[in-house]
């Protein structure tokens, strides 16, 4: 284990014969700062937004480059960690993953890590947020993507959902810095709605051919799941799952509905095991939240 102070953040690298763990934590746990809504503003052509994990005012964006067969060829994560989150933690299954140098991002020193497969850039911004990019890309495009990071200054538009999908229980409602998420659960299977104001790229969607639909008068696309809801839940019923178990479904397998509200520059993706009629009913109940 090696520890070193990097401005506001304490860097800890722990290595064994199987993997390397990298953790950044606040050198002063009482450190507070006005943090900014950092986003990437440029990616090479062909990347899509796969996931957005919200953690208070922090969070992680997961982007992917997908082939025509629906299999992800490349992944890239962009994370922002601030004083609300206190620490970031990453594990790489590469014992030779190591700190290679200290390039500059926005004129500020960054930690550049490299292994056989993965690369990582981590740096502290002017507001003391720690930004990290992890990918298999080489250092040159990684630095170009990092340089595109800027505080987002768009208009935040929050939405609400008026209809709970049949048989589902509401699990999560989150909105932070132009990103919102709703999740519901039925038979251990999650149905989720993700929406983003001013997105950098479209959502990741299935590779199969979609059907054109309409959501509240707006054009949308719908992909049915590869397995019917009856078959899916019948399989779940015979599994011996713990009461709190949640099954993660891949975008390529489940039903997906996407649409865009051009008035607010917001994209939406509803994803899960559900029939078309139920997906559309839920989507059409999505409206702008009154201030």
Protein backbone atom coordinates (compact mmCIF):
# COMPACT_ATOMS: atom_id res chain seq x y z
CA UNK A 1 0.00 0.00 0.00
CA UNK A 2 1.34 3.42 -0.97
CA UNK A 3 -0.21 6.67 0.21
CA UNK A 4 0.44 10.14 -1.11
CA UNK A 5 -1.25 13.51 -0.76
CA UNK A 6 -2.54 15.09 -3.98
CA UNK A 7 -3.73 18.58 -3.07
CA UNK A 8 -7.16 18.10 -1.45
CA UNK A 9 -7.20 14.34 -2.03
CA UNK A 10 -5.18 11.54 -0.44
CA UNK A 11 -4.17 8.87 -2.94
CA UNK A 12 -3.88 5.27 -1.73
CA UNK A 13 -2.68 2.45 -4.02
CA UNK A 14 -2.95 -1.12 -2.76
CA UNK A 15 -1.43 -3.91 -4.83
CA UNK A 16 -1.49 -7.72 -4.66
CA UNK A 17 -0.76 -10.54 -7.10
CA UNK A 18 -4.25 -10.37 -8.63
CA UNK A 19 -5.29 -6.73 -8.75
CA UNK A 20 -4.63 -3.10 -7.90
CA UNK A 21 -6.95 -0.94 -5.81
CA UNK A 22 -6.86 2.85 -6.08
CA UNK A 23 -8.67 5.04 -3.59
CA UNK A 24 -8.84 8.81 -3.33
CA UNK A 25 -10.20 10.26 -0.10
CA UNK A 26 -10.34 13.78 1.30
CA UNK A 27 -7.17 14.57 3.22
CA UNK A 28 -9.40 16.71 5.46
CA UNK A 29 -12.80 15.01 6.07
CA UNK A 30 -14.21 18.41 7.08
CA UNK A 31 -13.31 19.89 3.69
CA UNK A 32 -16.29 21.50 1.97
CA UNK A 33 -16.50 23.37 -1.29
CA UNK A 34 -19.02 24.71 -3.76
CA UNK A 35 -18.85 21.97 -6.37
CA UNK A 36 -19.75 22.37 -10.02
CA UNK A 37 -21.79 20.03 -12.29
CA UNK A 38 -18.91 18.62 -14.34
CA UNK A 39 -19.68 16.91 -17.65
CA UNK A 40 -17.78 15.79 -20.72
CA UNK A 41 -18.54 17.97 -23.74
CA UNK A 42 -16.79 15.86 -26.40
CA UNK A 43 -16.48 12.18 -27.27
CA UNK A 44 -15.32 10.51 -30.49
CA UNK A 45 -18.13 9.70 -32.92
CA UNK A 46 -20.12 6.54 -32.20
CA UNK A 47 -20.22 6.63 -28.40
CA UNK A 48 -23.54 6.31 -26.56
CA UNK A 49 -24.68 6.84 -22.97
CA UNK A 50 -25.22 3.50 -21.26
CA UNK A 51 -25.76 4.43 -17.59
CA UNK A 52 -25.71 7.37 -15.21
CA UNK A 53 -25.25 6.63 -11.50
CA UNK A 54 -26.29 9.51 -9.24
CA UNK A 55 -24.65 9.96 -5.83
CA UNK A 56 -25.90 13.25 -4.41
CA UNK A 57 -24.14 15.96 -6.41
CA UNK A 58 -21.52 13.43 -7.53
CA UNK A 59 -21.89 10.50 -9.86
CA UNK A 60 -20.59 8.42 -12.73
CA UNK A 61 -21.38 8.44 -16.44
CA UNK A 62 -20.88 5.17 -18.36
CA UNK A 63 -20.45 5.46 -22.12
CA UNK A 64 -19.96 2.65 -24.60
CA UNK A 65 -19.02 2.01 -28.21
CA UNK A 66 -21.18 -0.84 -29.51
CA UNK A 67 -20.76 -3.03 -32.58
CA UNK A 68 -23.54 -3.96 -34.99
CA UNK A 69 -24.07 -7.20 -33.05
CA UNK A 70 -25.00 -5.26 -29.90
CA UNK A 71 -21.79 -6.28 -28.12
CA UNK A 72 -19.91 -3.46 -26.43
CA UNK A 73 -16.47 -2.97 -27.99
CA UNK A 74 -15.27 -0.18 -25.68
CA UNK A 75 -16.40 1.34 -22.39
CA UNK A 76 -15.54 4.64 -20.78
CA UNK A 77 -16.51 5.93 -17.36
CA UNK A 78 -16.39 9.56 -16.25
CA UNK A 79 -16.77 10.20 -12.53
CA UNK A 80 -17.01 13.29 -10.37
CA UNK A 81 -16.32 12.95 -6.65
CA UNK A 82 -16.73 15.90 -4.33
CA UNK A 83 -16.85 16.67 -0.62
CA UNK A 84 -20.37 15.20 -0.36
CA UNK A 85 -19.08 11.77 -1.42
CA UNK A 86 -15.75 11.91 0.49
CA UNK A 87 -13.99 9.14 -1.47
CA UNK A 88 -13.71 7.24 -4.75
CA UNK A 89 -12.61 3.63 -5.10
CA UNK A 90 -11.55 1.62 -8.17
CA UNK A 91 -10.27 -1.94 -8.56
CA UNK A 92 -8.40 -3.11 -11.65
CA UNK A 93 -7.82 -6.85 -12.32
CA UNK A 94 -4.29 -6.11 -13.48
CA UNK A 95 -1.40 -6.57 -11.01
CA UNK A 96 0.81 -4.38 -13.23
CA UNK A 97 -1.61 -1.45 -13.31
CA UNK A 98 0.55 1.45 -12.13
CA UNK A 99 0.97 5.22 -11.90
CA UNK A 100 2.85 6.19 -15.06
CA UNK A 101 3.12 9.95 -14.99
CA UNK A 102 1.69 13.38 -14.20
CA UNK A 103 0.31 14.99 -17.37
CA UNK A 104 -1.76 18.18 -17.19
CA UNK A 105 -5.52 18.56 -17.65
CA UNK A 106 -6.74 22.16 -17.82
CA UNK A 107 -3.24 23.10 -16.75
CA UNK A 108 -3.59 21.12 -13.52
CA UNK A 109 -1.50 18.03 -12.66
CA UNK A 110 -3.23 14.70 -13.23
CA UNK A 111 -2.43 11.13 -12.21
CA UNK A 112 -2.12 8.87 -15.26
CA UNK A 113 -2.34 5.11 -14.63
CA UNK A 114 -1.73 2.42 -17.22
CA UNK A 115 -2.02 -1.35 -17.36
CA UNK A 116 -2.19 -3.98 -20.05
CA UNK A 117 -5.86 -3.22 -20.74
CA UNK A 118 -7.03 -0.19 -18.76
CA UNK A 119 -6.01 3.47 -18.55
CA UNK A 120 -7.09 6.03 -15.96
CA UNK A 121 -6.73 9.80 -15.57
CA UNK A 122 -7.55 11.48 -12.25
CA UNK A 123 -7.24 15.18 -11.47
CA UNK A 124 -8.53 17.85 -9.13
CA UNK A 125 -10.48 20.75 -10.60
CA UNK A 126 -10.72 24.38 -9.46
CA UNK A 127 -13.73 23.63 -7.25
CA UNK A 128 -11.78 20.78 -5.55
CA UNK A 129 -13.87 18.07 -7.24
CA UNK A 130 -11.92 14.95 -8.22
CA UNK A 131 -12.57 13.94 -11.85
CA UNK A 132 -11.66 10.49 -13.17
CA UNK A 133 -11.83 8.86 -16.60
CA UNK A 134 -11.32 5.09 -17.00
CA UNK A 135 -11.12 3.41 -20.40
CA UNK A 136 -9.07 1.12 -22.62
CA UNK A 137 -8.30 4.09 -24.89
CA UNK A 138 -4.73 5.26 -25.29
CA UNK A 139 -3.45 8.32 -23.47
CA UNK A 140 -3.85 10.75 -26.41
CA UNK A 141 -7.65 10.39 -26.89
CA UNK A 142 -8.04 10.06 -23.12
CA UNK A 143 -6.40 13.46 -22.60
CA UNK A 144 -8.52 14.99 -25.38
CA UNK A 145 -11.70 13.72 -23.72
CA UNK A 146 -10.52 14.94 -20.30
CA UNK A 147 -9.81 18.42 -21.66
CA UNK A 148 -13.45 18.61 -22.81
CA UNK A 149 -14.75 18.40 -19.22
CA UNK A 150 -16.65 21.55 -18.27
CA UNK A 151 -19.17 22.64 -15.65
CA UNK A 152 -22.64 22.20 -17.14
CA UNK A 153 -24.55 25.50 -17.33
CA UNK A 154 -27.79 24.37 -18.95
CA UNK A 155 -31.32 24.78 -17.63
CA UNK A 156 -32.36 22.03 -15.23
CA UNK A 157 -35.73 20.55 -16.12
CA UNK A 158 -37.13 17.95 -13.75
CA UNK A 159 -39.89 15.55 -14.77
CA UNK A 160 -42.40 13.46 -12.85
CA UNK A 161 -44.17 10.20 -13.64
CA UNK A 162 -47.91 9.99 -13.12
CA UNK A 163 -48.37 6.26 -13.68
CA UNK A 164 -46.82 3.38 -11.73
CA UNK A 165 -46.40 0.38 -14.07
CA UNK A 166 -48.85 -2.40 -13.28
CA UNK A 167 -47.67 -4.78 -10.56
CA UNK A 168 -44.54 -2.72 -9.81
CA UNK A 169 -43.48 -1.00 -6.61
CA UNK A 170 -41.68 2.33 -6.72
CA UNK A 171 -38.05 2.09 -5.62
CA UNK A 172 -36.08 5.23 -6.47
CA UNK A 173 -36.72 8.81 -7.52
CA UNK A 174 -33.64 10.98 -8.08
CA UNK A 175 -32.84 14.24 -9.82
CA UNK A 176 -29.50 16.03 -9.73
CA UNK A 177 -27.85 18.51 -12.06
CA UNK A 178 -29.94 17.82 -15.11
CA UNK A 179 -30.20 14.04 -14.70
CA UNK A 180 -33.25 12.18 -13.39
CA UNK A 181 -34.00 8.55 -12.61
CA UNK A 182 -37.08 6.57 -11.60
CA UNK A 183 -36.96 2.85 -10.86
CA UNK A 184 -39.67 0.30 -10.14
CA UNK A 185 -39.48 -3.36 -9.14
CA UNK A 186 -41.58 -6.40 -10.02
CA UNK A 187 -40.64 -10.01 -9.33
CA UNK A 188 -37.02 -9.05 -8.56
CA UNK A 189 -36.77 -7.32 -11.96
CA UNK A 190 -36.09 -3.61 -12.32
CA UNK A 191 -37.80 -1.23 -14.73
CA UNK A 192 -35.99 2.09 -14.99
CA UNK A 193 -36.51 5.50 -16.54
CA UNK A 194 -33.43 7.65 -17.12
CA UNK A 195 -33.54 11.16 -18.57
CA UNK A 196 -30.83 13.74 -19.26
CA UNK A 197 -31.03 17.46 -19.99
CA UNK A 198 -28.60 18.57 -22.76
CA UNK A 199 -27.05 15.13 -23.45
CA UNK A 200 -23.67 14.78 -25.10
CA UNK A 201 -24.81 11.72 -27.08
CA UNK A 202 -27.84 9.40 -27.50
CA UNK A 203 -28.64 6.48 -25.21
CA UNK A 204 -27.35 2.96 -25.76
CA UNK A 205 -30.17 0.92 -27.31
CA UNK A 206 -30.60 -2.67 -28.61
CA UNK A 207 -29.04 -3.61 -31.94
CA UNK A 208 -32.28 -5.09 -33.31
CA UNK A 209 -34.66 -3.06 -35.49
CA UNK A 210 -36.99 -0.75 -33.52
CA UNK A 211 -40.61 0.18 -34.10
CA UNK A 212 -41.57 3.82 -34.56
CA UNK A 213 -44.03 5.02 -31.89
CA UNK A 214 -45.40 8.28 -30.52
CA UNK A 215 -45.06 9.50 -26.92
CA UNK A 216 -47.25 12.51 -26.09
CA UNK A 217 -47.09 13.59 -29.72
CA UNK A 218 -43.31 13.20 -29.87
CA UNK A 219 -41.59 10.59 -32.09
CA UNK A 220 -40.11 7.63 -30.23
CA UNK A 221 -38.58 4.21 -30.82
CA UNK A 222 -39.56 0.93 -29.17
CA UNK A 223 -37.65 -2.35 -29.00
CA UNK A 224 -39.58 -5.35 -27.56
CA UNK A 225 -37.71 -7.66 -25.21
CA UNK A 226 -36.21 -10.86 -26.58
CA UNK A 227 -38.27 -12.88 -24.06
CA UNK A 228 -41.96 -12.38 -23.28
CA UNK A 229 -42.86 -11.10 -19.84
CA UNK A 230 -44.65 -14.38 -19.06
CA UNK A 231 -41.55 -16.45 -19.89
CA UNK A 232 -39.26 -14.08 -18.01
CA UNK A 233 -41.28 -14.07 -14.79
CA UNK A 234 -41.90 -17.83 -15.05
CA UNK A 235 -38.13 -18.35 -15.01
CA UNK A 236 -37.77 -15.98 -12.06
CA UNK A 237 -40.43 -17.89 -10.14
CA UNK A 238 -38.38 -21.10 -10.13
CA UNK A 239 -35.20 -19.34 -9.01
CA UNK A 240 -34.39 -19.44 -5.31
CA UNK A 241 -33.75 -15.74 -4.82
CA UNK A 242 -33.42 -13.85 -1.55
CA UNK A 243 -36.30 -11.42 -0.85
CA UNK A 244 -34.15 -8.35 -1.62
CA UNK A 245 -32.45 -9.74 -4.75
CA UNK A 246 -32.62 -7.55 -7.87
CA UNK A 247 -31.81 -8.94 -11.32
CA UNK A 248 -29.83 -6.66 -13.61
CA UNK A 249 -31.03 -6.85 -17.20
CA UNK A 250 -28.86 -5.96 -20.17
CA UNK A 251 -30.13 -3.38 -22.66
CA UNK A 252 -29.80 -5.91 -25.48
CA UNK A 253 -32.25 -8.32 -23.77
CA UNK A 254 -35.11 -6.19 -22.46
CA UNK A 255 -37.76 -3.86 -23.85
CA UNK A 256 -36.52 -0.32 -24.47
CA UNK A 257 -38.46 2.85 -25.28
CA UNK A 258 -36.70 6.13 -26.15
CA UNK A 259 -37.94 9.60 -27.02
CA UNK A 260 -36.84 13.24 -26.84
CA UNK A 261 -38.43 16.49 -25.70
CA UNK A 262 -36.89 19.11 -28.03
CA UNK A 263 -38.42 21.96 -26.02
CA UNK A 264 -36.14 21.17 -23.05
CA UNK A 265 -33.39 19.29 -24.96
CA UNK A 266 -34.06 16.19 -22.84
CA UNK A 267 -33.72 12.54 -23.87
CA UNK A 268 -35.55 9.67 -22.15
CA UNK A 269 -35.00 5.93 -21.97
CA UNK A 270 -37.46 3.52 -20.35
CA UNK A 271 -35.98 0.04 -20.01
CA UNK A 272 -37.07 -3.25 -18.50
CA UNK A 273 -39.24 -6.35 -18.85
CA UNK A 274 -42.67 -5.00 -19.80
CA UNK A 275 -45.13 -5.05 -22.67
CA UNK A 276 -45.33 -2.26 -25.21
CA UNK A 277 -48.70 -0.94 -24.00
CA UNK A 278 -47.49 -0.65 -20.40
CA UNK A 279 -44.25 1.03 -21.46
CA UNK A 280 -46.14 3.59 -23.56
CA UNK A 281 -48.67 4.25 -20.79
CA UNK A 282 -45.85 4.92 -18.34
CA UNK A 283 -43.95 7.10 -20.82
CA UNK A 284 -47.01 9.16 -21.67
CA UNK A 285 -47.51 9.95 -17.97
CA UNK A 286 -44.10 11.69 -17.87
CA UNK A 287 -44.56 15.46 -17.59
CA UNK A 288 -42.46 18.46 -16.62
CA UNK A 289 -42.54 19.06 -12.88
CA UNK A 290 -44.17 22.35 -12.00
CA UNK A 291 -41.87 24.75 -10.16
